[in-house]
Amino acid sequence: MSNFSLLIPLLFALISRNEAWTANQLSRKFMTNTYLSSLASAERDNKTDLTGPKDIDDELQRGRLLEGGQVIDFSSVKASSKAEEALASARQRLLANIVAPTSDTNGQILGINDDVVGEVGHPLGAFATPEEVQSCATWIRSKAPEGLFQAKDGVSNDASGFSDQQMRTARSTLSKCYDESGEVTGAFAKTFYMGTKLLGEEAQKAIWAIYVWCRRTDEIVDAPRDNDDEMLVDLSAWEMRLENLWDYGVVEDVYDLALLDVRANYPSLDITPFMDMIRGMLMDVPVLGQDRYDVFDELHLYCYRVAGTVGLMSLPVFGCAEGYDDEVAREPALSLGVAFQLTNILRDVGEDAVQRGRVYLPQEDLRRFGVTEDQIFEQRVDEKYVALMKFEIDRARMYYERARRGVFMLAPESRLPVQSSLDAYGRILDKIEENGYDSLTKRAYVDKWEKLSIIPSSWYRTLDISRMLPLPGDKVVARDQS
């Protein structure tokens, strides 16, 4: 089976925003304002050197247009927004040894907090000593392609002198690391975990490692804390660790070993989507990020960072069918991320407003259809709101159609899992329509049996003949578009 077949379930698991915020998270606005005031004071005292563009407009202008501008590739886009400035300030303090990440003081593995341990049901990462972790890292680096990692003082890539016992310990350590990565994946994303069992062993483990990295990033941002200054320090340390792993193969804990092994096994895997996801997480932090989006391109940037990045992380692991490569598959993967995140947003309009005080729908769209924020917070559905939802659903479906072309870039045996997942998630839009476009007081939901019932039509859509004879309501997917 092609490794590409799990792109959609992976996105399901990582872009879901169903978890309720804690009281600690809801109080972040006050704490972050306090931190930003101190940051501004530090800038006035010339304690930080933060220059560059100051708002999201600069970020949008740096995006790369694909296919007439309907899909924007925001890879590597970076700007000195409040979040970027705060992250840079935290990095400077880390480098100056003024502060330290919480893992240095509380003994926990960064991003593996008590909530994660509680969900899994037993202590995590306790199976190897620091010496065994570093020995295992040396072994992984030794089998990486030549030149993948830069030389660094004190970091060895030579395991030729290892004893048989050291080799057995290194293999056992990595194996246990992957086992626990699978446990974390299974605890937080049960349906997704079952899907990974359809993959080959190497790809399966690689996806677990990527999932755990994303999970840890999310935990660093969302973990209960006294203030967001501490979160920014941890997130900056996390970003620096990622850079050191990518450039030099350096690890700091047992779970870094799994990602290091993925890096060694898939040399084309790029660091960019990982860095971009960190910025996507920050976009949801009150004050530092955004709780309103004026135009769709702003929301598009958010969709790329929190969802499109997952597709780009996964492409080298999943692979492409003969005749295709990652660059060709890039646009469908980005379209997929936009489609799924827009679906989440349309499904959760009422929940996001009432529980989180957030309105993701572009302000320009609200104005266009005469819908007010008061109406959304009061959960009043009228003809104006219905017209708005029809417009947004049409936009989301356009991205599903663009993503569907990617199915024909897959090996025939891997098309059905992708297409059936795409159809099942797209069915949420049908449910919103069936609910009278009420996504303020009703939640669109597709049950297990309905998901199973769409498999026959999904199977037909994977066949080449479906390009010439599409199902009623389907658009033609021409070969020259792929």
Protein backbone atom coordinates (compact mmCIF):
# COMPACT_ATOMS: atom_id res chain seq x y z
CA MET A 1 0.00 0.00 0.00
CA SER A 2 1.24 3.50 -0.81
CA ASN A 3 2.33 5.46 2.22
CA PHE A 4 0.39 8.46 0.88
CA SER A 5 -2.89 6.77 1.75
CA LEU A 6 -3.01 8.10 5.30
CA LEU A 7 -2.73 11.82 4.59
CA ILE A 8 -6.37 12.52 5.26
CA PRO A 9 -6.78 10.57 8.54
CA LEU A 10 -3.61 12.27 9.82
CA LEU A 11 -5.11 15.66 9.10
CA PHE A 12 -8.31 14.58 10.86
CA ALA A 13 -6.39 13.79 13.99
CA LEU A 14 -4.27 16.93 14.08
CA ILE A 15 -6.63 19.71 13.01
CA SER A 16 -9.56 18.76 15.22
CA ARG A 17 -10.46 21.60 17.52
CA ASN A 18 -13.10 19.89 19.64
CA GLU A 19 -11.34 20.00 22.98
CA ALA A 20 -12.72 22.52 25.44
CA TRP A 21 -10.33 25.17 26.64
CA THR A 22 -9.36 25.17 30.27
CA ALA A 23 -9.93 28.12 32.59
CA ASN A 24 -6.18 28.65 32.50
CA GLN A 25 -6.26 29.05 28.72
CA LEU A 26 -9.21 31.41 28.85
CA SER A 27 -7.31 33.63 31.28
CA ARG A 28 -4.34 33.94 28.95
CA LYS A 29 -5.45 37.28 27.56
CA PHE A 30 -4.73 39.08 30.81
CA MET A 31 -1.44 37.25 31.39
CA THR A 32 -0.23 37.78 27.85
CA ASN A 33 -1.05 41.49 27.94
CA THR A 34 1.10 41.73 31.03
CA TYR A 35 3.95 39.92 29.30
CA LEU A 36 3.72 42.04 26.14
CA SER A 37 3.85 45.19 28.25
CA SER A 38 7.12 44.00 29.76
CA LEU A 39 8.38 43.05 26.30
CA ALA A 40 7.58 46.53 25.01
CA SER A 41 9.45 48.01 27.97
CA ALA A 42 12.44 45.80 27.23
CA GLU A 43 12.43 46.98 23.61
CA ARG A 44 12.47 50.61 24.76
CA ASP A 45 15.45 49.78 26.91
CA ASN A 46 17.19 48.29 23.84
CA LYS A 47 17.19 44.86 25.41
CA THR A 48 15.84 43.30 22.24
CA ASP A 49 16.54 43.90 18.58
CA LEU A 50 13.27 43.17 16.84
CA THR A 51 12.86 44.52 13.34
CA GLY A 52 10.76 43.71 10.32
CA PRO A 53 7.13 43.79 9.21
CA LYS A 54 4.58 44.27 11.96
CA ASP A 55 1.30 42.75 10.80
CA ILE A 56 -0.27 39.92 8.88
CA ASP A 57 -0.38 41.93 5.63
CA ASP A 58 3.36 41.48 5.29
CA GLU A 59 2.99 37.73 5.81
CA LEU A 60 0.31 37.49 3.13
CA GLN A 61 2.43 39.38 0.61
CA ARG A 62 5.20 36.80 1.05
CA GLY A 63 3.00 33.82 0.19
CA ARG A 64 3.61 32.03 -3.13
CA LEU A 65 0.59 31.89 -5.45
CA LEU A 66 -0.24 28.55 -7.02
CA GLU A 67 -2.56 28.01 -9.98
CA GLY A 68 -4.05 31.44 -10.50
CA GLY A 69 -3.97 32.47 -6.87
CA GLN A 70 -6.71 30.21 -5.49
CA VAL A 71 -4.19 28.28 -3.42
CA ILE A 72 -1.39 30.15 -1.65
CA ASP A 73 1.77 28.40 -0.54
CA PHE A 74 2.77 30.13 2.68
CA SER A 75 5.79 27.90 3.36
CA SER A 76 8.56 29.68 5.28
CA VAL A 77 6.55 32.90 5.59
CA LYS A 78 7.80 34.66 8.67
CA ALA A 79 7.13 38.15 10.00
CA SER A 80 7.63 40.17 13.18
CA SER A 81 4.07 39.95 14.41
CA LYS A 82 3.52 40.13 18.17
CA ALA A 83 3.93 36.38 18.37
CA GLU A 84 7.09 36.39 16.25
CA GLU A 85 8.60 39.17 18.34
CA ALA A 86 7.72 37.46 21.60
CA LEU A 87 9.17 34.16 20.35
CA ALA A 88 12.38 35.91 19.24
CA SER A 89 12.70 37.63 22.61
CA ALA A 90 12.32 34.31 24.43
CA ARG A 91 15.01 32.78 22.21
CA GLN A 92 17.43 35.59 23.01
CA ARG A 93 16.92 35.08 26.72
CA LEU A 94 17.45 31.34 26.33
CA LEU A 95 20.67 31.88 24.42
CA ALA A 96 21.83 34.31 27.08
CA ASN A 97 21.03 31.74 29.81
CA ILE A 98 18.65 34.20 31.46
CA VAL A 99 15.83 31.64 31.44
CA ALA A 100 15.52 27.88 31.00
CA PRO A 101 12.75 25.62 29.65
CA THR A 102 10.47 24.06 32.26
CA SER A 103 11.82 20.59 31.45
CA ASP A 104 15.13 21.69 32.96
CA THR A 105 13.47 22.51 36.28
CA ASN A 106 10.57 20.07 36.71
CA GLY A 107 12.21 16.92 35.39
CA GLN A 108 9.45 16.25 32.85
CA ILE A 109 10.00 15.58 29.17
CA LEU A 110 9.11 18.73 27.25
CA GLY A 111 5.63 18.37 25.77
CA ILE A 112 4.90 15.16 27.69
CA ASN A 113 2.98 16.55 30.65
CA ASP A 114 0.80 14.86 33.28
CA ASP A 115 -2.26 15.01 31.01
CA VAL A 116 -0.46 13.03 28.32
CA VAL A 117 0.82 10.47 30.82
CA GLY A 118 -2.67 10.17 32.32
CA GLU A 119 -4.24 9.58 28.90
CA VAL A 120 -1.74 6.82 28.07
CA GLY A 121 -2.04 5.28 31.53
CA HIS A 122 1.58 4.75 32.54
CA PRO A 123 4.86 6.68 32.86
CA LEU A 124 6.43 7.63 29.53
CA GLY A 125 10.04 7.78 28.42
CA ALA A 126 11.40 5.94 31.44
CA PHE A 127 12.88 3.03 29.50
CA ALA A 128 16.30 4.55 28.71
CA THR A 129 19.00 6.44 30.57
CA PRO A 130 20.40 9.70 29.14
CA GLU A 131 23.54 7.78 28.15
CA GLU A 132 21.48 5.17 26.30
CA VAL A 133 19.55 7.91 24.50
CA GLN A 134 22.75 9.53 23.25
CA SER A 135 24.24 6.17 22.28
CA CYS A 136 21.12 5.38 20.28
CA ALA A 137 21.34 8.79 18.58
CA THR A 138 24.93 8.05 17.54
CA TRP A 139 23.81 4.77 15.99
CA ILE A 140 20.95 6.49 14.08
CA ARG A 141 23.28 9.20 12.78
CA SER A 142 25.77 6.54 11.68
CA LYS A 143 23.25 4.95 9.32
CA ALA A 144 21.99 8.25 7.87
CA PRO A 145 22.96 9.22 4.30
CA GLU A 146 26.41 10.77 4.15
CA GLY A 147 26.33 14.54 4.56
CA LEU A 148 22.77 14.67 5.92
CA PHE A 149 23.98 16.01 9.27
CA GLN A 150 26.57 18.74 9.68
CA ALA A 151 29.59 18.12 11.88
CA LYS A 152 29.36 19.46 15.43
CA ASP A 153 31.82 19.32 18.29
CA GLY A 154 30.94 16.57 20.74
CA VAL A 155 28.45 14.90 18.37
CA SER A 156 29.63 11.57 16.94
CA ASN A 157 28.26 9.89 13.83
CA ASP A 158 30.46 6.82 14.22
CA ALA A 159 29.04 3.66 15.78
CA SER A 160 31.69 1.33 14.33
CA GLY A 161 33.21 0.78 17.76
CA PHE A 162 29.95 -0.26 19.41
CA SER A 163 29.91 -3.62 21.16
CA ASP A 164 27.20 -6.15 20.40
CA GLN A 165 25.51 -5.20 23.67
CA GLN A 166 25.56 -1.51 22.77
CA MET A 167 24.00 -2.27 19.39
CA ARG A 168 21.27 -4.39 21.01
CA THR A 169 20.56 -1.62 23.51
CA ALA A 170 20.39 1.04 20.80
CA ARG A 171 17.95 -1.02 18.71
CA SER A 172 15.85 -1.81 21.78
CA THR A 173 15.75 1.85 22.82
CA LEU A 174 14.55 2.98 19.39
CA SER A 175 12.00 0.16 19.24
CA LYS A 176 10.55 1.12 22.64
CA CYS A 177 10.51 4.77 21.58
CA TYR A 178 8.37 3.88 18.58
CA ASP A 179 6.16 1.62 20.69
CA GLU A 180 5.39 4.44 23.10
CA SER A 181 4.90 6.88 20.22
CA GLY A 182 2.26 4.47 18.95
CA GLU A 183 0.67 4.39 22.41
CA VAL A 184 0.47 8.18 22.53
CA THR A 185 -1.03 8.23 19.04
CA GLY A 186 -3.56 5.57 19.97
CA ALA A 187 -4.55 7.34 23.19
CA PHE A 188 -5.26 10.69 21.54
CA ALA A 189 -6.40 9.62 18.05
CA LYS A 190 -7.91 6.15 18.17
CA THR A 191 -9.47 6.12 14.71
CA PHE A 192 -6.34 7.51 13.15
CA TYR A 193 -4.17 4.98 14.98
CA MET A 194 -6.22 2.11 13.56
CA GLY A 195 -5.65 3.57 10.10
CA THR A 196 -1.89 3.62 10.59
CA LYS A 197 -1.97 -0.13 11.09
CA LEU A 198 -2.67 -0.43 7.35
CA LEU A 199 0.71 1.07 6.52
CA GLY A 200 4.02 -0.69 6.12
CA GLU A 201 6.00 -0.90 9.34
CA GLU A 202 8.51 1.84 8.51
CA ALA A 203 5.88 4.33 7.33
CA GLN A 204 3.62 3.46 10.24
CA LYS A 205 6.32 4.26 12.77
CA ALA A 206 7.31 7.43 10.92
CA ILE A 207 3.76 8.74 11.07
CA TRP A 208 3.60 7.97 14.79
CA ALA A 209 6.80 9.96 15.30
CA ILE A 210 5.42 12.94 13.35
CA TYR A 211 2.13 12.76 15.25
CA VAL A 212 3.91 12.74 18.61
CA TRP A 213 6.00 15.78 17.60
CA CYS A 214 2.80 17.65 16.66
CA ARG A 215 1.11 16.48 19.86
CA ARG A 216 4.01 17.72 21.95
CA THR A 217 3.96 21.09 20.19
CA ASP A 218 0.26 21.42 20.98
CA GLU A 219 0.83 20.44 24.61
CA ILE A 220 3.58 23.05 24.99
CA VAL A 221 1.20 25.77 23.81
CA ASP A 222 -1.93 24.57 25.64
CA ALA A 223 -0.54 23.22 28.92
CA PRO A 224 -1.86 24.99 32.06
CA ARG A 225 0.68 27.59 33.19
CA ASP A 226 1.02 30.61 35.42
CA ASN A 227 1.87 32.87 32.46
CA ASP A 228 2.54 32.80 28.72
CA ASP A 229 6.13 33.95 29.18
CA GLU A 230 6.90 30.41 30.35
CA MET A 231 5.08 28.97 27.31
CA LEU A 232 7.09 31.15 24.93
CA VAL A 233 10.37 30.07 26.54
CA ASP A 234 9.40 26.41 26.16
CA LEU A 235 8.26 26.93 22.58
CA SER A 236 11.48 28.75 21.68
CA ALA A 237 13.49 25.92 23.24
CA TRP A 238 11.37 23.47 21.23
CA GLU A 239 12.09 25.35 18.00
CA MET A 240 15.83 25.40 18.72
CA ARG A 241 15.78 21.68 19.46
CA LEU A 242 14.13 21.05 16.11
CA GLU A 243 16.80 23.06 14.33
CA ASN A 244 19.60 21.17 16.11
CA LEU A 245 18.01 17.83 15.30
CA TRP A 246 17.64 18.73 11.63
CA ASP A 247 21.09 20.25 11.19
CA TYR A 248 23.27 18.14 13.46
CA GLY A 249 21.19 15.13 14.52
CA VAL A 250 21.25 16.28 18.16
CA VAL A 251 18.61 14.88 20.53
CA GLU A 252 17.68 15.71 24.11
CA ASP A 253 15.17 13.03 25.09
CA VAL A 254 13.93 9.60 24.06
CA TYR A 255 11.13 10.87 21.82
CA ASP A 256 13.56 12.97 19.80
CA LEU A 257 15.07 9.65 18.74
CA ALA A 258 11.99 8.70 16.72
CA LEU A 259 11.99 11.96 14.77
CA LEU A 260 15.75 11.66 14.27
CA ASP A 261 15.23 8.21 12.77
CA VAL A 262 12.52 9.59 10.47
CA ARG A 263 14.89 12.36 9.41
CA ALA A 264 17.55 9.76 8.60
CA ASN A 265 15.15 7.47 6.73
CA TYR A 266 13.48 10.27 4.72
CA PRO A 267 16.24 12.75 3.85
CA SER A 268 13.91 14.90 1.69
CA LEU A 269 11.75 15.68 4.71
CA ASP A 270 11.86 19.46 5.11
CA ILE A 271 11.98 21.33 8.41
CA THR A 272 9.81 24.16 7.06
CA PRO A 273 6.33 22.74 7.75
CA PHE A 274 7.38 21.87 11.30
CA MET A 275 8.51 25.46 11.91
CA ASP A 276 5.37 26.78 10.26
CA MET A 277 3.12 24.66 12.48
CA ILE A 278 4.68 26.27 15.55
CA ARG A 279 3.55 29.63 14.18
CA GLY A 280 0.11 28.22 13.47
CA MET A 281 -0.23 27.20 17.11
CA LEU A 282 0.67 30.74 18.17
CA MET A 283 -2.06 32.18 15.94
CA ASP A 284 -4.64 30.72 18.36
CA VAL A 285 -3.03 32.22 21.49
CA PRO A 286 -5.04 35.24 22.70
CA VAL A 287 -3.35 38.61 22.10
CA LEU A 288 -0.26 37.02 20.58
CA GLY A 289 -2.29 35.56 17.74
CA GLN A 290 -5.56 36.45 16.05
CA ASP A 291 -9.16 35.98 17.06
CA ARG A 292 -10.49 37.73 13.93
CA TYR A 293 -9.60 37.48 10.24
CA ASP A 294 -10.46 40.45 8.07
CA VAL A 295 -10.07 38.81 4.65
CA PHE A 296 -9.98 35.22 3.46
CA ASP A 297 -6.26 35.28 2.66
CA GLU A 298 -5.60 35.82 6.37
CA LEU A 299 -7.67 32.75 7.20
CA HIS A 300 -5.92 30.90 4.39
CA LEU A 301 -2.59 31.50 6.12
CA TYR A 302 -4.01 30.05 9.34
CA CYS A 303 -5.35 27.00 7.48
CA TYR A 304 -1.95 26.40 5.92
CA ARG A 305 -0.10 26.61 9.20
CA VAL A 306 -2.34 24.33 11.26
CA ALA A 307 -3.41 21.86 8.56
CA GLY A 308 -1.56 22.23 5.26
CA THR A 309 1.71 21.74 7.12
CA VAL A 310 0.67 18.21 8.09
CA GLY A 311 0.29 17.24 4.46
CA LEU A 312 3.74 18.60 3.65
CA MET A 313 5.29 16.78 6.61
CA SER A 314 3.73 13.54 5.44
CA LEU A 315 4.46 13.63 1.70
CA PRO A 316 8.03 12.26 1.87
CA VAL A 317 6.86 9.43 4.13
CA PHE A 318 3.76 8.56 2.12
CA GLY A 319 5.45 8.86 -1.25
CA CYS A 320 3.88 9.42 -4.69
CA ALA A 321 2.79 7.13 -7.49
CA GLU A 322 5.08 6.57 -10.45
CA GLY A 323 5.26 9.68 -12.61
CA TYR A 324 4.56 12.08 -9.76
CA ASP A 325 6.72 13.75 -7.13
CA ASP A 326 6.29 15.83 -3.99
CA GLU A 327 6.30 19.10 -5.91
CA VAL A 328 3.45 17.99 -8.17
CA ALA A 329 1.49 16.65 -5.18
CA ARG A 330 2.09 19.81 -3.17
CA GLU A 331 -0.88 21.82 -4.42
CA PRO A 332 -3.46 19.06 -3.76
CA ALA A 333 -1.96 18.57 -0.29
CA LEU A 334 -2.27 22.28 0.46
CA SER A 335 -5.82 22.33 -0.92
CA LEU A 336 -6.63 19.38 1.33
CA GLY A 337 -5.48 21.26 4.41
CA VAL A 338 -7.58 24.30 3.49
CA ALA A 339 -10.64 22.13 2.77
CA PHE A 340 -10.46 20.28 6.08
CA GLN A 341 -9.78 23.32 8.20
CA LEU A 342 -12.58 25.28 6.53
CA THR A 343 -14.91 22.36 7.22
CA ASN A 344 -13.94 22.42 10.90
CA ILE A 345 -14.52 26.16 11.04
CA LEU A 346 -17.95 25.99 9.36
CA ARG A 347 -19.01 23.10 11.60
CA ASP A 348 -17.90 24.90 14.79
CA VAL A 349 -19.02 28.52 14.23
CA GLY A 350 -21.30 28.53 17.28
CA GLU A 351 -18.95 26.53 19.49
CA ASP A 352 -15.96 28.74 18.68
CA ALA A 353 -17.93 31.91 19.42
CA VAL A 354 -19.62 30.83 22.65
CA GLN A 355 -16.84 28.74 24.20
CA ARG A 356 -13.75 30.51 22.87
CA GLY A 357 -14.83 34.02 21.90
CA ARG A 358 -13.47 33.46 18.40
CA VAL A 359 -14.94 34.20 14.98
CA TYR A 360 -12.91 32.55 12.22
CA LEU A 361 -15.22 33.54 9.36
CA PRO A 362 -13.62 36.43 7.44
CA GLN A 363 -14.97 39.82 8.45
CA GLU A 364 -15.28 40.80 4.78
CA ASP A 365 -17.71 37.91 4.31
CA LEU A 366 -19.77 38.94 7.33
CA ARG A 367 -20.05 42.45 5.94
CA ARG A 368 -20.90 41.20 2.47
CA PHE A 369 -23.89 39.21 3.71
CA GLY A 370 -24.95 41.58 6.49
CA VAL A 371 -24.20 39.16 9.33
CA THR A 372 -23.04 40.72 12.60
CA GLU A 373 -20.86 39.25 15.32
CA ASP A 374 -23.64 39.93 17.82
CA GLN A 375 -25.85 37.66 15.75
CA ILE A 376 -23.24 34.90 15.87
CA PHE A 377 -22.74 35.22 19.62
CA GLU A 378 -26.51 35.29 20.14
CA GLN A 379 -26.80 32.23 17.86
CA ARG A 380 -29.48 33.70 15.59
CA VAL A 381 -29.89 31.96 12.24
CA ASP A 382 -31.69 34.01 9.57
CA GLU A 383 -31.67 34.29 5.78
CA LYS A 384 -28.51 36.40 5.90
CA TYR A 385 -26.64 33.76 7.87
CA VAL A 386 -27.93 31.03 5.56
CA ALA A 387 -26.64 32.95 2.53
CA LEU A 388 -23.26 33.37 4.23
CA MET A 389 -23.01 29.65 4.96
CA LYS A 390 -23.95 28.73 1.39
CA PHE A 391 -21.11 30.93 0.17
CA GLU A 392 -18.58 29.45 2.60
CA ILE A 393 -19.62 25.87 1.83
CA ASP A 394 -19.19 26.48 -1.90
CA ARG A 395 -15.69 27.77 -1.21
CA ALA A 396 -14.79 24.72 0.89
CA ARG A 397 -16.09 22.37 -1.82
CA MET A 398 -13.90 24.08 -4.39
CA TYR A 399 -10.87 23.12 -2.30
CA TYR A 400 -12.13 19.53 -1.97
CA GLU A 401 -12.34 19.33 -5.77
CA ARG A 402 -8.80 20.59 -6.09
CA ALA A 403 -7.59 18.10 -3.47
CA ARG A 404 -9.37 15.23 -5.20
CA ARG A 405 -6.96 15.43 -8.13
CA GLY A 406 -4.27 14.23 -5.75
CA VAL A 407 -6.03 10.86 -5.45
CA PHE A 408 -4.97 10.04 -9.00
CA MET A 409 -1.37 10.73 -8.03
CA LEU A 410 -1.51 7.67 -5.77
CA ALA A 411 -0.86 4.04 -6.55
CA PRO A 412 -4.19 2.30 -7.36
CA GLU A 413 -4.16 0.26 -4.14
CA SER A 414 -3.87 3.38 -2.00
CA ARG A 415 -6.59 5.48 -3.61
CA LEU A 416 -9.61 4.10 -1.75
CA PRO A 417 -8.50 5.01 1.82
CA VAL A 418 -7.85 8.58 0.70
CA GLN A 419 -10.99 9.04 -1.37
CA SER A 420 -13.31 7.48 1.22
CA SER A 421 -11.86 9.67 3.94
CA LEU A 422 -12.17 12.77 1.74
CA ASP A 423 -15.80 11.89 0.98
CA ALA A 424 -16.61 11.20 4.63
CA TYR A 425 -15.22 14.49 5.86
CA GLY A 426 -16.77 16.41 2.98
CA ARG A 427 -20.12 14.91 4.02
CA ILE A 428 -20.01 17.22 7.05
CA LEU A 429 -20.83 20.07 4.67
CA ASP A 430 -23.92 18.11 3.53
CA LYS A 431 -24.94 17.75 7.17
CA ILE A 432 -24.69 21.50 7.71
CA GLU A 433 -27.06 21.93 4.78
CA GLU A 434 -29.43 19.28 6.17
CA ASN A 435 -29.43 21.20 9.47
CA GLY A 436 -30.79 24.25 7.64
CA TYR A 437 -27.31 25.82 7.60
CA ASP A 438 -27.51 26.16 11.39
CA SER A 439 -23.95 25.76 12.60
CA LEU A 440 -24.65 28.06 15.53
CA THR A 441 -26.82 25.76 17.65
CA LYS A 442 -26.44 22.41 15.86
CA ARG A 443 -23.37 20.28 15.26
CA ALA A 444 -22.98 18.53 11.91
CA TYR A 445 -22.00 14.91 12.44
CA VAL A 446 -21.42 11.88 10.20
CA ASP A 447 -21.87 8.58 12.04
CA LYS A 448 -19.86 5.41 11.52
CA TRP A 449 -22.51 3.61 9.46
CA GLU A 450 -22.92 6.51 7.07
CA LYS A 451 -19.17 6.62 6.59
CA LEU A 452 -19.25 2.93 5.68
CA SER A 453 -22.14 3.48 3.27
CA ILE A 454 -20.16 5.88 1.09
CA ILE A 455 -17.35 3.40 0.38
CA PRO A 456 -18.86 2.03 -2.87
CA SER A 457 -19.09 5.50 -4.44
CA SER A 458 -15.65 6.36 -3.07
CA TRP A 459 -14.27 3.20 -4.70
CA TYR A 460 -15.73 4.21 -8.07
CA ARG A 461 -14.14 7.65 -7.79
CA THR A 462 -10.72 6.02 -7.51
CA LEU A 463 -11.04 4.38 -10.92
CA ASP A 464 -9.71 6.02 -14.05
CA ILE A 465 -13.09 5.58 -15.71
CA SER A 466 -14.57 8.03 -13.19
CA ARG A 467 -12.65 10.75 -14.96
CA MET A 468 -14.65 10.19 -18.12
CA LEU A 469 -17.91 9.04 -16.52
CA PRO A 470 -18.21 10.85 -13.18
CA LEU A 471 -20.95 10.11 -10.69
CA PRO A 472 -23.99 12.43 -10.75
CA GLY A 473 -22.94 15.71 -9.15
CA ASP A 474 -19.21 15.06 -9.52
CA LYS A 475 -17.00 17.25 -11.63
CA VAL A 476 -14.70 15.79 -14.26
CA VAL A 477 -11.11 15.32 -13.10
CA ALA A 478 -9.16 15.64 -16.34
CA ARG A 479 -5.76 13.97 -16.75
CA ASP A 480 -4.06 17.16 -17.81
CA GLN A 481 -5.10 18.74 -14.49
CA SER A 482 -3.16 16.18 -12.49
